[in-house]
PDB file of N, CA and C in Angstrom:
ATOM      1  N   MET A   1      98.457  96.663 131.426  1.00  0.00           N
ATOM      2  CA  MET A   1      98.143  95.292 131.122  1.00  0.00           C
ATOM      3  C   MET A   1      99.019  94.398 131.993  1.00  0.00           C
ATOM      4  N   VAL A   2      98.399  93.493 132.710  1.00  0.00           N
ATOM      5  CA  VAL A   2      99.110  92.580 133.592  1.00  0.00           C
ATOM      6  C   VAL A   2      98.943  91.166 133.060  1.00  0.00           C
ATOM      7  N   THR A   3     100.055  90.484 132.901  1.00  0.00           N
ATOM      8  CA  THR A   3     100.023  89.101 132.432  1.00  0.00           C
ATOM      9  C   THR A   3     100.481  88.212 133.566  1.00  0.00           C
ATOM     10  N   ARG A   4      99.699  87.233 133.882  1.00  0.00           N
ATOM     11  CA  ARG A   4     100.072  86.288 134.923  1.00  0.00           C
ATOM     12  C   ARG A   4     100.646  85.031 134.289  1.00  0.00           C
ATOM     13  N   VAL A   5     101.725  84.606 134.863  1.00  0.00           N
ATOM     14  CA  VAL A   5     102.361  83.385 134.398  1.00  0.00           C
ATOM     15  C   VAL A   5     102.453  82.446 135.591  1.00  0.00           C
ATOM     16  N   SER A   6     101.929  81.268 135.424  1.00  0.00           N
ATOM     17  CA  SER A   6     102.058  80.286 136.501  1.00  0.00           C
ATOM     18  C   SER A   6     102.928  79.136 135.994  1.00  0.00           C
ATOM     19  N   VAL A   7     103.833  78.727 136.843  1.00  0.00           N
ATOM     20  CA  VAL A   7     104.754  77.654 136.483  1.00  0.00           C
ATOM     21  C   VAL A   7     104.497  76.480 137.408  1.00  0.00           C
ATOM     22  N   ASN A   8     104.316  75.343 136.819  1.00  0.00           N
ATOM     23  CA  ASN A   8     104.163  74.117 137.584  1.00  0.00           C
ATOM     24  C   ASN A   8     105.568  73.594 137.899  1.00  0.00           C
ATOM     25  N   PRO A   9     105.914  73.390 139.176  1.00  0.00           N
ATOM     26  CA  PRO A   9     107.266  72.905 139.497  1.00  0.00           C
ATOM     27  C   PRO A   9     107.600  71.582 138.838  1.00  0.00           C
ATOM     28  N   LEU A  10     106.593  70.791 138.493  1.00  0.00           N
ATOM     29  CA  LEU A  10     106.867  69.508 137.847  1.00  0.00           C
ATOM     30  C   LEU A  10     107.257  69.667 136.385  1.00  0.00           C
ATOM     31  N   ASP A  11     107.103  70.879 135.832  1.00  0.00           N
ATOM     32  CA  ASP A  11     107.535  71.130 134.464  1.00  0.00           C
ATOM     33  C   ASP A  11     109.025  71.426 134.380  1.00  0.00           C
ATOM     34  N   ILE A  12     109.644  71.735 135.508  1.00  0.00           N
ATOM     35  CA  ILE A  12     111.075  72.011 135.543  1.00  0.00           C
ATOM     36  C   ILE A  12     111.796  70.670 135.620  1.00  0.00           C
ATOM     37  N   PRO A  13     112.735  70.376 134.684  1.00  0.00           N
ATOM     38  CA  PRO A  13     113.315  69.031 134.588  1.00  0.00           C
ATOM     39  C   PRO A  13     113.956  68.514 135.866  1.00  0.00           C
ATOM     40  N   PHE A  14     114.736  69.335 136.590  1.00  0.00           N
ATOM     41  CA  PHE A  14     115.418  68.793 137.759  1.00  0.00           C
ATOM     42  C   PHE A  14     114.497  68.671 138.963  1.00  0.00           C
ATOM     43  N   LEU A  15     113.294  69.253 138.914  1.00  0.00           N
ATOM     44  CA  LEU A  15     112.321  69.087 139.986  1.00  0.00           C
ATOM     45  C   LEU A  15     111.266  68.054 139.653  1.00  0.00           C
ATOM     46  N   ALA A  16     111.282  67.551 138.424  1.00  0.00           N
ATOM     47  CA  ALA A  16     110.225  66.649 137.978  1.00  0.00           C
ATOM     48  C   ALA A  16     110.212  65.344 138.754  1.00  0.00           C
ATOM     49  N   GLY A  17     111.340  64.906 139.262  1.00  0.00           N
ATOM     50  CA  GLY A  17     111.388  63.626 139.957  1.00  0.00           C
ATOM     51  C   GLY A  17     111.148  63.714 141.440  1.00  0.00           C
ATOM     52  N   THR A  18     110.975  64.919 141.979  1.00  0.00           N
ATOM     53  CA  THR A  18     110.787  65.037 143.411  1.00  0.00           C
ATOM     54  C   THR A  18     109.501  65.780 143.715  1.00  0.00           C
ATOM     55  N   ARG A  19     108.867  65.370 144.747  1.00  0.00           N
ATOM     56  CA  ARG A  19     107.705  66.091 145.248  1.00  0.00           C
ATOM     57  C   ARG A  19     107.789  66.055 146.756  1.00  0.00           C
ATOM     58  N   ARG A  20     108.165  67.191 147.333  1.00  0.00           N
ATOM     59  CA  ARG A  20     108.349  67.306 148.784  1.00  0.00           C
ATOM     60  C   ARG A  20     109.319  66.252 149.318  1.00  0.00           C
ATOM     61  N   GLY A  21     110.434  66.081 148.630  1.00  0.00           N
ATOM     62  CA  GLY A  21     111.462  65.162 149.089  1.00  0.00           C
ATOM     63  C   GLY A  21     111.229  63.717 148.715  1.00  0.00           C
ATOM     64  N   ARG A  22     110.122  63.412 148.051  1.00  0.00           N
ATOM     65  CA  ARG A  22     109.843  62.029 147.661  1.00  0.00           C
ATOM     66  C   ARG A  22     109.862  61.923 146.147  1.00  0.00           C
ATOM     67  N   ARG A  23     110.214  60.755 145.677  1.00  0.00           N
ATOM     68  CA  ARG A  23     110.240  60.517 144.239  1.00  0.00           C
ATOM     69  C   ARG A  23     108.826  60.412 143.701  1.00  0.00           C
ATOM     70  N   ASP A  24     108.632  60.973 142.527  1.00  0.00           N
ATOM     71  CA  ASP A  24     107.352  60.851 141.847  1.00  0.00           C
ATOM     72  C   ASP A  24     107.269  59.467 141.226  1.00  0.00           C
ATOM     73  N   SER A  25     106.083  58.958 141.065  1.00  0.00           N
ATOM     74  CA  SER A  25     105.931  57.606 140.524  1.00  0.00           C
ATOM     75  C   SER A  25     106.338  57.544 139.056  1.00  0.00           C
ATOM     76  N   LYS A  26     106.403  58.687 138.377  1.00  0.00           N
ATOM     77  CA  LYS A  26     106.785  58.693 136.968  1.00  0.00           C
ATOM     78  C   LYS A  26     108.265  58.394 136.759  1.00  0.00           C
ATOM     79  N   CYS A  27     109.085  58.677 137.752  1.00  0.00           N
ATOM     80  CA  CYS A  27     110.530  58.544 137.606  1.00  0.00           C
ATOM     81  C   CYS A  27     111.026  57.386 138.452  1.00  0.00           C
ATOM     82  N   SER A  28     111.605  56.395 137.814  1.00  0.00           N
ATOM     83  CA  SER A  28     112.196  55.311 138.588  1.00  0.00           C
ATOM     84  C   SER A  28     113.572  55.751 139.061  1.00  0.00           C
ATOM     85  N   GLY A  29     114.027  55.209 140.174  1.00  0.00           N
ATOM     86  CA  GLY A  29     115.239  55.672 140.837  1.00  0.00           C
ATOM     87  C   GLY A  29     116.477  55.684 139.978  1.00  0.00           C
ATOM     88  N   SER A  30     116.902  54.542 139.450  1.00  0.00           N
ATOM     89  CA  SER A  30     118.176  54.497 138.736  1.00  0.00           C
ATOM     90  C   SER A  30     118.075  55.119 137.352  1.00  0.00           C
ATOM     91  N   SER A  31     116.935  54.982 136.676  1.00  0.00           N
ATOM     92  CA  SER A  31     116.831  55.562 135.337  1.00  0.00           C
ATOM     93  C   SER A  31     116.745  57.075 135.415  1.00  0.00           C
ATOM     94  N   TYR A  32     116.178  57.607 136.497  1.00  0.00           N
ATOM     95  CA  TYR A  32     116.078  59.054 136.649  1.00  0.00           C
ATOM     96  C   TYR A  32     117.460  59.668 136.847  1.00  0.00           C
ATOM     97  N   LEU A  33     118.325  59.017 137.603  1.00  0.00           N
ATOM     98  CA  LEU A  33     119.651  59.552 137.888  1.00  0.00           C
ATOM     99  C   LEU A  33     120.715  59.087 136.912  1.00  0.00           C
ATOM    100  N   ALA A  34     120.369  58.225 135.968  1.00  0.00           N
ATOM    101  CA  ALA A  34     121.368  57.687 135.044  1.00  0.00           C
ATOM    102  C   ALA A  34     121.991  58.784 134.203  1.00  0.00           C
ATOM    103  N   GLY A  35     121.205  59.722 133.718  1.00  0.00           N
ATOM    104  CA  GLY A  35     121.741  60.807 132.913  1.00  0.00           C
ATOM    105  C   GLY A  35     122.664  61.710 133.700  1.00  0.00           C
ATOM    106  N   VAL A  36     122.348  61.920 134.974  1.00  0.00           N
ATOM    107  CA  VAL A  36     123.190  62.759 135.822  1.00  0.00           C
ATOM    108  C   VAL A  36     124.546  62.097 136.020  1.00  0.00           C
ATOM    109  N   ASP A  37     124.551  60.792 136.299  1.00  0.00           N
ATOM    110  CA  ASP A  37     125.814  60.075 136.490  1.00  0.00           C
ATOM    111  C   ASP A  37     126.648  60.087 135.217  1.00  0.00           C
ATOM    112  N   GLU A  38     126.010  59.922 134.078  1.00  0.00           N
ATOM    113  CA  GLU A  38     126.762  59.920 132.823  1.00  0.00           C
ATOM    114  C   GLU A  38     127.365  61.292 132.540  1.00  0.00           C
ATOM    115  N   ASP A  39     126.651  62.352 132.893  1.00  0.00           N
ATOM    116  CA  ASP A  39     127.174  63.696 132.659  1.00  0.00           C
ATOM    117  C   ASP A  39     128.323  64.034 133.600  1.00  0.00           C
ATOM    118  N   LEU A  40     128.260  63.549 134.829  1.00  0.00           N
ATOM    119  CA  LEU A  40     129.280  63.876 135.828  1.00  0.00           C
ATOM    120  C   LEU A  40     130.417  62.868 135.893  1.00  0.00           C
ATOM    121  N   ALA A  41     130.294  61.747 135.210  1.00  0.00           N
ATOM    122  CA  ALA A  41     131.289  60.680 135.296  1.00  0.00           C
ATOM    123  C   ALA A  41     132.707  61.145 134.954  1.00  0.00           C
ATOM    124  N   PRO A  42     132.920  61.992 133.946  1.00  0.00           N
ATOM    125  CA  PRO A  42     134.300  62.416 133.661  1.00  0.00           C
ATOM    126  C   PRO A  42     134.934  63.253 134.772  1.00  0.00           C
ATOM    127  N   LEU A  43     134.147  63.732 135.719  1.00  0.00           N
ATOM    128  CA  LEU A  43     134.694  64.559 136.792  1.00  0.00           C
ATOM    129  C   LEU A  43     135.190  63.741 137.976  1.00  0.00           C
ATOM    130  N   GLY A  44     135.034  62.427 137.958  1.00  0.00           N
ATOM    131  CA  GLY A  44     135.426  61.592 139.082  1.00  0.00           C
ATOM    132  C   GLY A  44     136.910  61.631 139.365  1.00  0.00           C
ATOM    133  N   VAL A  45     137.723  61.369 138.367  1.00  0.00           N
ATOM    134  CA  VAL A  45     139.184  61.324 138.561  1.00  0.00           C
ATOM    135  C   VAL A  45     139.741  62.707 138.901  1.00  0.00           C
ATOM    136  N   PRO A  46     139.346  63.783 138.187  1.00  0.00           N
ATOM    137  CA  PRO A  46     139.858  65.097 138.598  1.00  0.00           C
ATOM    138  C   PRO A  46     139.439  65.484 140.018  1.00  0.00           C
ATOM    139  N   ALA A  47     138.244  65.068 140.446  1.00  0.00           N
ATOM    140  CA  ALA A  47     137.807  65.371 141.812  1.00  0.00           C
ATOM    141  C   ALA A  47     138.674  64.655 142.837  1.00  0.00           C
ATOM    142  N   VAL A  48     139.047  63.407 142.553  1.00  0.00           N
ATOM    143  CA  VAL A  48     139.908  62.661 143.473  1.00  0.00           C
ATOM    144  C   VAL A  48     141.293  63.297 143.532  1.00  0.00           C
ATOM    145  N   VAL A  49     141.841  63.668 142.391  1.00  0.00           N
ATOM    146  CA  VAL A  49     143.176  64.280 142.353  1.00  0.00           C
ATOM    147  C   VAL A  49     143.164  65.630 143.066  1.00  0.00           C
ATOM    148  N   LEU A  50     142.173  66.458 142.763  1.00  0.00           N
ATOM    149  CA  LEU A  50     142.089  67.772 143.393  1.00  0.00           C
ATOM    150  C   LEU A  50     141.840  67.636 144.901  1.00  0.00           C
ATOM    151  N   GLY A  51     140.984  66.697 145.292  1.00  0.00           N
ATOM    152  CA  GLY A  51     140.730  66.470 146.708  1.00  0.00           C
ATOM    153  C   GLY A  51     141.989  66.036 147.443  1.00  0.00           C
ATOM    154  N   ALA A  52     142.784  65.165 146.829  1.00  0.00           N
ATOM    155  CA  ALA A  52     144.036  64.727 147.454  1.00  0.00           C
ATOM    156  C   ALA A  52     145.021  65.892 147.579  1.00  0.00           C
ATOM    157  N   MET A  53     145.069  66.736 146.566  1.00  0.00           N
ATOM    158  CA  MET A  53     145.952  67.902 146.631  1.00  0.00           C
ATOM    159  C   MET A  53     145.509  68.870 147.726  1.00  0.00           C
ATOM    160  N   LEU A  54     144.209  69.077 147.854  1.00  0.00           N
ATOM    161  CA  LEU A  54     143.698  69.971 148.893  1.00  0.00           C
ATOM    162  C   LEU A  54     143.957  69.413 150.287  1.00  0.00           C
ATOM    163  N   ILE A  55     143.783  68.111 150.447  1.00  0.00           N
ATOM    164  CA  ILE A  55     144.060  67.495 151.746  1.00  0.00           C
ATOM    165  C   ILE A  55     145.550  67.592 152.066  1.00  0.00           C
ATOM    166  N   GLY A  56     146.400  67.353 151.079  1.00  0.00           N
ATOM    167  CA  GLY A  56     147.841  67.490 151.287  1.00  0.00           C
ATOM    168  C   GLY A  56     148.225  68.917 151.660  1.00  0.00           C
ATOM    169  N   GLY A  57     147.599  69.887 150.999  1.00  0.00           N
ATOM    170  CA  GLY A  57     147.859  71.286 151.348  1.00  0.00           C
ATOM    171  C   GLY A  57     147.390  71.632 152.746  1.00  0.00           C
ATOM    172  N   GLY A  58     146.262  71.048 153.139  1.00  0.00           N
ATOM    173  CA  GLY A  58     145.762  71.274 154.495  1.00  0.00           C
ATOM    174  C   GLY A  58     146.678  70.677 155.539  1.00  0.00           C
ATOM    175  N   LEU A  59     147.207  69.498 155.255  1.00  0.00           N
ATOM    176  CA  LEU A  59     148.143  68.878 156.200  1.00  0.00           C
ATOM    177  C   LEU A  59     149.449  69.661 156.264  1.00  0.00           C
ATOM    178  N   ALA A  60     149.885  70.218 155.132  1.00  0.00           N
ATOM    179  CA  ALA A  60     151.097  71.043 155.131  1.00  0.00           C
ATOM    180  C   ALA A  60     150.869  72.347 155.900  1.00  0.00           C
ATOM    181  N   ALA A  61     149.624  72.835 155.884  1.00  0.00           N
ATOM    182  CA  ALA A  61     149.314  74.079 156.591  1.00  0.00           C
ATOM    183  C   ALA A  61     149.335  73.906 158.101  1.00  0.00           C
ATOM    184  N   LEU A  62     149.329  72.667 158.577  1.00  0.00           N
ATOM    185  CA  LEU A  62     149.419  72.444 160.025  1.00  0.00           C
ATOM    186  C   LEU A  62     150.692  73.063 160.615  1.00  0.00           C
ATOM    187  N   LEU A  63     151.742  73.116 159.803  1.00  0.00           N
ATOM    188  CA  LEU A  63     153.001  73.695 160.289  1.00  0.00           C
ATOM    189  C   LEU A  63     152.868  75.190 160.565  1.00  0.00           C
ATOM    190  N   LEU A  64     151.974  75.864 159.845  1.00  0.00           N
ATOM    191  CA  LEU A  64     151.826  77.308 159.979  1.00  0.00           C
ATOM    192  C   LEU A  64     150.712  77.723 160.940  1.00  0.00           C
ATOM    193  N   MET A  65     149.984  76.756 161.462  1.00  0.00           N
ATOM    194  CA  MET A  65     148.795  77.094 162.246  1.00  0.00           C
ATOM    195  C   MET A  65     149.103  77.812 163.555  1.00  0.00           C
ATOM    196  N   THR A  66     150.237  77.562 164.168  1.00  0.00           N
ATOM    197  CA  THR A  66     150.537  78.247 165.432  1.00  0.00           C
ATOM    198  C   THR A  66     150.704  79.752 165.201  1.00  0.00           C
ATOM    199  N   GLY A  67     151.376  80.116 164.133  1.00  0.00           N
ATOM    200  CA  GLY A  67     151.532  81.535 163.807  1.00  0.00           C
ATOM    201  C   GLY A  67     150.208  82.185 163.439  1.00  0.00           C
ATOM    202  N   TRP A  68     149.409  81.485 162.670  1.00  0.00           N
ATOM    203  CA  TRP A  68     148.094  82.020 162.297  1.00  0.00           C
ATOM    204  C   TRP A  68     147.202  82.188 163.515  1.00  0.00           C
ATOM    205  N   SER A  69     147.245  81.219 164.434  1.00  0.00           N
ATOM    206  CA  SER A  69     146.389  81.328 165.614  1.00  0.00           C
ATOM    207  C   SER A  69     146.837  82.485 166.512  1.00  0.00           C
ATOM    208  N   ARG A  70     148.127  82.777 166.539  1.00  0.00           N
ATOM    209  CA  ARG A  70     148.620  83.944 167.282  1.00  0.00           C
ATOM    210  C   ARG A  70     148.150  85.237 166.621  1.00  0.00           C
ATOM    211  N   ASP A  71     148.204  85.282 165.284  1.00  0.00           N
ATOM    212  CA  ASP A  71     147.851  86.504 164.558  1.00  0.00           C
ATOM    213  C   ASP A  71     146.340  86.736 164.475  1.00  0.00           C
ATOM    214  N   TYR A  72     145.578  85.683 164.213  1.00  0.00           N
ATOM    215  CA  TYR A  72     144.154  85.850 163.909  1.00  0.00           C
ATOM    216  C   TYR A  72     143.221  85.278 164.970  1.00  0.00           C
ATOM    217  N   GLY A  73     143.735  84.565 165.918  1.00  0.00           N
ATOM    218  CA  GLY A  73     142.905  83.977 166.959  1.00  0.00           C
ATOM    219  C   GLY A  73     142.706  82.490 166.716  1.00  0.00           C
ATOM    220  N   SER A  74     142.743  81.742 167.790  1.00  0.00           N
ATOM    221  CA  SER A  74     142.675  80.280 167.685  1.00  0.00           C
ATOM    222  C   SER A  74     141.353  79.799 167.124  1.00  0.00           C
ATOM    223  N   LEU A  75     140.257  80.384 167.593  1.00  0.00           N
ATOM    224  CA  LEU A  75     138.937  79.919 167.162  1.00  0.00           C
ATOM    225  C   LEU A  75     138.746  80.093 165.663  1.00  0.00           C
ATOM    226  N   LEU A  76     139.112  81.245 165.137  1.00  0.00           N
ATOM    227  CA  LEU A  76     138.957  81.496 163.698  1.00  0.00           C
ATOM    228  C   LEU A  76     139.795  80.528 162.871  1.00  0.00           C
ATOM    229  N   VAL A  77     141.016  80.302 163.279  1.00  0.00           N
ATOM    230  CA  VAL A  77     141.903  79.415 162.531  1.00  0.00           C
ATOM    231  C   VAL A  77     141.407  77.973 162.580  1.00  0.00           C
ATOM    232  N   ILE A  78     140.953  77.528 163.743  1.00  0.00           N
ATOM    233  CA  ILE A  78     140.470  76.147 163.864  1.00  0.00           C
ATOM    234  C   ILE A  78     139.202  75.942 163.047  1.00  0.00           C
ATOM    235  N   VAL A  79     138.273  76.897 163.122  1.00  0.00           N
ATOM    236  CA  VAL A  79     137.028  76.780 162.352  1.00  0.00           C
ATOM    237  C   VAL A  79     137.328  76.782 160.849  1.00  0.00           C
ATOM    238  N   ALA A  80     138.204  77.670 160.403  1.00  0.00           N
ATOM    239  CA  ALA A  80     138.549  77.728 158.984  1.00  0.00           C
ATOM    240  C   ALA A  80     139.240  76.439 158.532  1.00  0.00           C
ATOM    241  N   PHE A  81     140.123  75.910 159.373  1.00  0.00           N
ATOM    242  CA  PHE A  81     140.833  74.681 159.016  1.00  0.00           C
ATOM    243  C   PHE A  81     139.882  73.489 158.940  1.00  0.00           C
ATOM    244  N   VAL A  82     138.991  73.368 159.912  1.00  0.00           N
ATOM    245  CA  VAL A  82     138.035  72.254 159.904  1.00  0.00           C
ATOM    246  C   VAL A  82     137.099  72.366 158.701  1.00  0.00           C
ATOM    247  N   LEU A  83     136.629  73.566 158.393  1.00  0.00           N
ATOM    248  CA  LEU A  83     135.765  73.761 157.228  1.00  0.00           C
ATOM    249  C   LEU A  83     136.499  73.413 155.936  1.00  0.00           C
ATOM    250  N   TYR A  84     137.732  73.879 155.805  1.00  0.00           N
ATOM    251  CA  TYR A  84     138.533  73.592 154.613  1.00  0.00           C
ATOM    252  C   TYR A  84     138.758  72.088 154.441  1.00  0.00           C
ATOM    253  N   MET A  85     139.164  71.426 155.527  1.00  0.00           N
ATOM    254  CA  MET A  85     139.448  69.995 155.431  1.00  0.00           C
ATOM    255  C   MET A  85     138.186  69.182 155.182  1.00  0.00           C
ATOM    256  N   SER A  86     137.062  69.597 155.752  1.00  0.00           N
ATOM    257  CA  SER A  86     135.823  68.856 155.505  1.00  0.00           C
ATOM    258  C   SER A  86     135.369  69.010 154.057  1.00  0.00           C
ATOM    259  N   LEU A  87     135.529  70.182 153.478  1.00  0.00           N
ATOM    260  CA  LEU A  87     135.185  70.356 152.064  1.00  0.00           C
ATOM    261  C   LEU A  87     136.134  69.576 151.157  1.00  0.00           C
ATOM    262  N   ALA A  88     137.404  69.554 151.500  1.00  0.00           N
ATOM    263  CA  ALA A  88     138.367  68.779 150.713  1.00  0.00           C
ATOM    264  C   ALA A  88     138.058  67.285 150.799  1.00  0.00           C
ATOM    265  N   ALA A  89     137.714  66.813 151.985  1.00  0.00           N
ATOM    266  CA  ALA A  89     137.365  65.401 152.157  1.00  0.00           C
ATOM    267  C   ALA A  89     136.059  65.067 151.433  1.00  0.00           C
ATOM    268  N   ALA A  90     135.103  65.977 151.459  1.00  0.00           N
ATOM    269  CA  ALA A  90     133.839  65.749 150.748  1.00  0.00           C
ATOM    270  C   ALA A  90     134.066  65.658 149.244  1.00  0.00           C
ATOM    271  N   LEU A  91     134.946  66.495 148.706  1.00  0.00           N
ATOM    272  CA  LEU A  91     135.270  66.419 147.286  1.00  0.00           C
ATOM    273  C   LEU A  91     135.937  65.093 146.957  1.00  0.00           C
ATOM    274  N   GLU A  92     136.832  64.648 147.809  1.00  0.00           N
ATOM    275  CA  GLU A  92     137.520  63.370 147.613  1.00  0.00           C
ATOM    276  C   GLU A  92     136.527  62.207 147.627  1.00  0.00           C
ATOM    277  N   VAL A  93     135.640  62.195 148.617  1.00  0.00           N
ATOM    278  CA  VAL A  93     134.648  61.118 148.716  1.00  0.00           C
ATOM    279  C   VAL A  93     133.696  61.146 147.532  1.00  0.00           C
ATOM    280  N   TRP A  94     133.273  62.335 147.110  1.00  0.00           N
ATOM    281  CA  TRP A  94     132.387  62.457 145.954  1.00  0.00           C
ATOM    282  C   TRP A  94     133.049  61.884 144.697  1.00  0.00           C
ATOM    283  N   GLY A  95     134.327  62.178 144.513  1.00  0.00           N
ATOM    284  CA  GLY A  95     135.049  61.654 143.354  1.00  0.00           C
ATOM    285  C   GLY A  95     135.146  60.138 143.383  1.00  0.00           C
ATOM    286  N   TRP A  96     135.466  59.573 144.563  1.00  0.00           N
ATOM    287  CA  TRP A  96     135.555  58.110 144.673  1.00  0.00           C
ATOM    288  C   TRP A  96     134.208  57.454 144.438  1.00  0.00           C
ATOM    289  N   ARG A  97     133.134  58.075 144.927  1.00  0.00           N
ATOM    290  CA  ARG A  97     131.800  57.497 144.714  1.00  0.00           C
ATOM    291  C   ARG A  97     131.413  57.548 143.245  1.00  0.00           C
ATOM    292  N   LEU A  98     131.776  58.631 142.546  1.00  0.00           N
ATOM    293  CA  LEU A  98     131.504  58.704 141.110  1.00  0.00           C
ATOM    294  C   LEU A  98     132.250  57.612 140.355  1.00  0.00           C
ATOM    295  N   ILE A  99     133.514  57.419 140.700  1.00  0.00           N
ATOM    296  CA  ILE A  99     134.312  56.396 140.029  1.00  0.00           C
ATOM    297  C   ILE A  99     133.736  55.011 140.298  1.00  0.00           C
ATOM    298  N   ARG A 100     133.370  54.751 141.552  1.00  0.00           N
ATOM    299  CA  ARG A 100     132.799  53.446 141.887  1.00  0.00           C
ATOM    300  C   ARG A 100     131.485  53.209 141.157  1.00  0.00           C
ATOM    301  N   ARG A 101     130.632  54.235 141.095  1.00  0.00           N
ATOM    302  CA  ARG A 101     129.357  54.098 140.397  1.00  0.00           C
ATOM    303  C   ARG A 101     129.571  53.856 138.901  1.00  0.00           C
ATOM    304  N   LEU A 102     130.575  54.513 138.328  1.00  0.00           N
ATOM    305  CA  LEU A 102     130.879  54.329 136.918  1.00  0.00           C
ATOM    306  C   LEU A 102     131.348  52.904 136.648  1.00  0.00           C
ATOM    307  N   HIS A 103     132.201  52.367 137.535  1.00  0.00           N
ATOM    308  CA  HIS A 103     132.685  50.995 137.362  1.00  0.00           C
ATOM    309  C   HIS A 103     131.573  49.977 137.567  1.00  0.00           C
ATOM    310  N   LYS A 104     130.667  50.245 138.509  1.00  0.00           N
ATOM    311  CA  LYS A 104     129.545  49.332 138.723  1.00  0.00           C
ATOM    312  C   LYS A 104     128.636  49.299 137.507  1.00  0.00           C
ATOM    313  N   SER A 105     128.357  50.469 136.925  1.00  0.00           N
ATOM    314  CA  SER A 105     127.482  50.489 135.754  1.00  0.00           C
ATOM    315  C   SER A 105     128.163  49.859 134.547  1.00  0.00           C
ATOM    316  N   ALA A 106     129.488  50.012 134.425  1.00  0.00           N
ATOM    317  CA  ALA A 106     130.209  49.380 133.316  1.00  0.00           C
ATOM    318  C   ALA A 106     130.216  47.865 133.490  1.00  0.00           C
ATOM    319  N   ARG A 107     130.362  47.407 134.739  1.00  0.00           N
ATOM    320  CA  ARG A 107     130.360  45.976 135.004  1.00  0.00           C
ATOM    321  C   ARG A 107     128.991  45.380 134.701  1.00  0.00           C
ATOM    322  N   ARG A 108     127.935  46.098 135.093  1.00  0.00           N
ATOM    323  CA  ARG A 108     126.580  45.612 134.853  1.00  0.00           C
ATOM    324  C   ARG A 108     126.264  45.551 133.364  1.00  0.00           C
ATOM    325  N   SER A 109     126.697  46.569 132.615  1.00  0.00           N
ATOM    326  CA  SER A 109     126.377  46.608 131.190  1.00  0.00           C
ATOM    327  C   SER A 109     127.220  45.626 130.373  1.00  0.00           C
ATOM    328  N   SER A 110     128.392  45.224 130.893  1.00  0.00           N
ATOM    329  CA  SER A 110     129.242  44.311 130.133  1.00  0.00           C
ATOM    330  C   SER A 110     129.041  42.855 130.548  1.00  0.00           C
ATOM    331  N   GLY A 111     128.073  42.595 131.377  1.00  0.00           N
ATOM    332  CA  GLY A 111     127.778  41.221 131.752  1.00  0.00           C
ATOM    333  C   GLY A 111     128.645  40.675 132.857  1.00  0.00           C
ATOM    334  N   GLY A 112     129.143  41.525 133.744  1.00  0.00           N
ATOM    335  CA  GLY A 112     129.884  41.041 134.894  1.00  0.00           C
ATOM    336  C   GLY A 112     131.373  41.300 134.829  1.00  0.00           C
ATOM    337  N   ALA A 113     131.915  41.534 133.668  1.00  0.00           N
ATOM    338  CA  ALA A 113     133.360  41.796 133.573  1.00  0.00           C
ATOM    339  C   ALA A 113     133.622  43.253 133.926  1.00  0.00           C
ATOM    340  N   ALA A 114     134.772  43.511 134.529  1.00  0.00           N
ATOM    341  CA  ALA A 114     135.113  44.865 134.932  1.00  0.00           C
ATOM    342  C   ALA A 114     135.394  45.744 133.721  1.00  0.00           C
ATOM    343  N   HIS A 115     135.857  45.166 132.656  1.00  0.00           N
ATOM    344  CA  HIS A 115     136.176  45.889 131.432  1.00  0.00           C
ATOM    345  C   HIS A 115     135.583  45.092 130.281  1.00  0.00           C
ATOM    346  N   PRO A 116     135.091  45.761 129.229  1.00  0.00           N
ATOM    347  CA  PRO A 116     134.482  45.010 128.131  1.00  0.00           C
ATOM    348  C   PRO A 116     135.410  43.993 127.475  1.00  0.00           C
ATOM    349  N   ASP A 117     136.731  44.208 127.543  1.00  0.00           N
ATOM    350  CA  ASP A 117     137.668  43.282 126.916  1.00  0.00           C
ATOM    351  C   ASP A 117     137.974  42.078 127.811  1.00  0.00           C
ATOM    352  N   ILE A 118     137.635  42.145 129.094  1.00  0.00           N
ATOM    353  CA  ILE A 118     137.911  41.072 130.028  1.00  0.00           C
ATOM    354  C   ILE A 118     136.687  40.175 130.106  1.00  0.00           C
ATOM    355  N   HIS A 119     136.892  38.911 129.855  1.00  0.00           N
ATOM    356  CA  HIS A 119     135.773  37.948 129.924  1.00  0.00           C
ATOM    357  C   HIS A 119     136.099  36.881 130.961  1.00  0.00           C
ATOM    358  N   ARG A 120     135.088  36.444 131.670  1.00  0.00           N
ATOM    359  CA  ARG A 120     135.298  35.382 132.678  1.00  0.00           C
ATOM    360  C   ARG A 120     135.283  34.037 132.055  1.00  0.00           C
TER     361      ARG A 120
END
């Protein structure tokens, strides 16, 4: 006995808003991503802190790079260092963008004030 199951990609929640790279008309831009931002918002500050620590560690590793390049080869060390620093910088930028988006949405929802207790 063979049972066929067909799945419509639009039934999968994270694919429901996209169709070949374009937004579906059912999902408006900001309301579709609002839940994602709210779920990831607490990760903004830890991402910035961790990104800064990784960048600091990468800068400290510059002192050891001459020995590593002698032992493992210059090309491997340079490629690994550039990849590491680019990922650390991407994490840092992602964290700052999350924090900025969170502050923008808080400002919009509170009527223009940066904090609900601050009034103009």
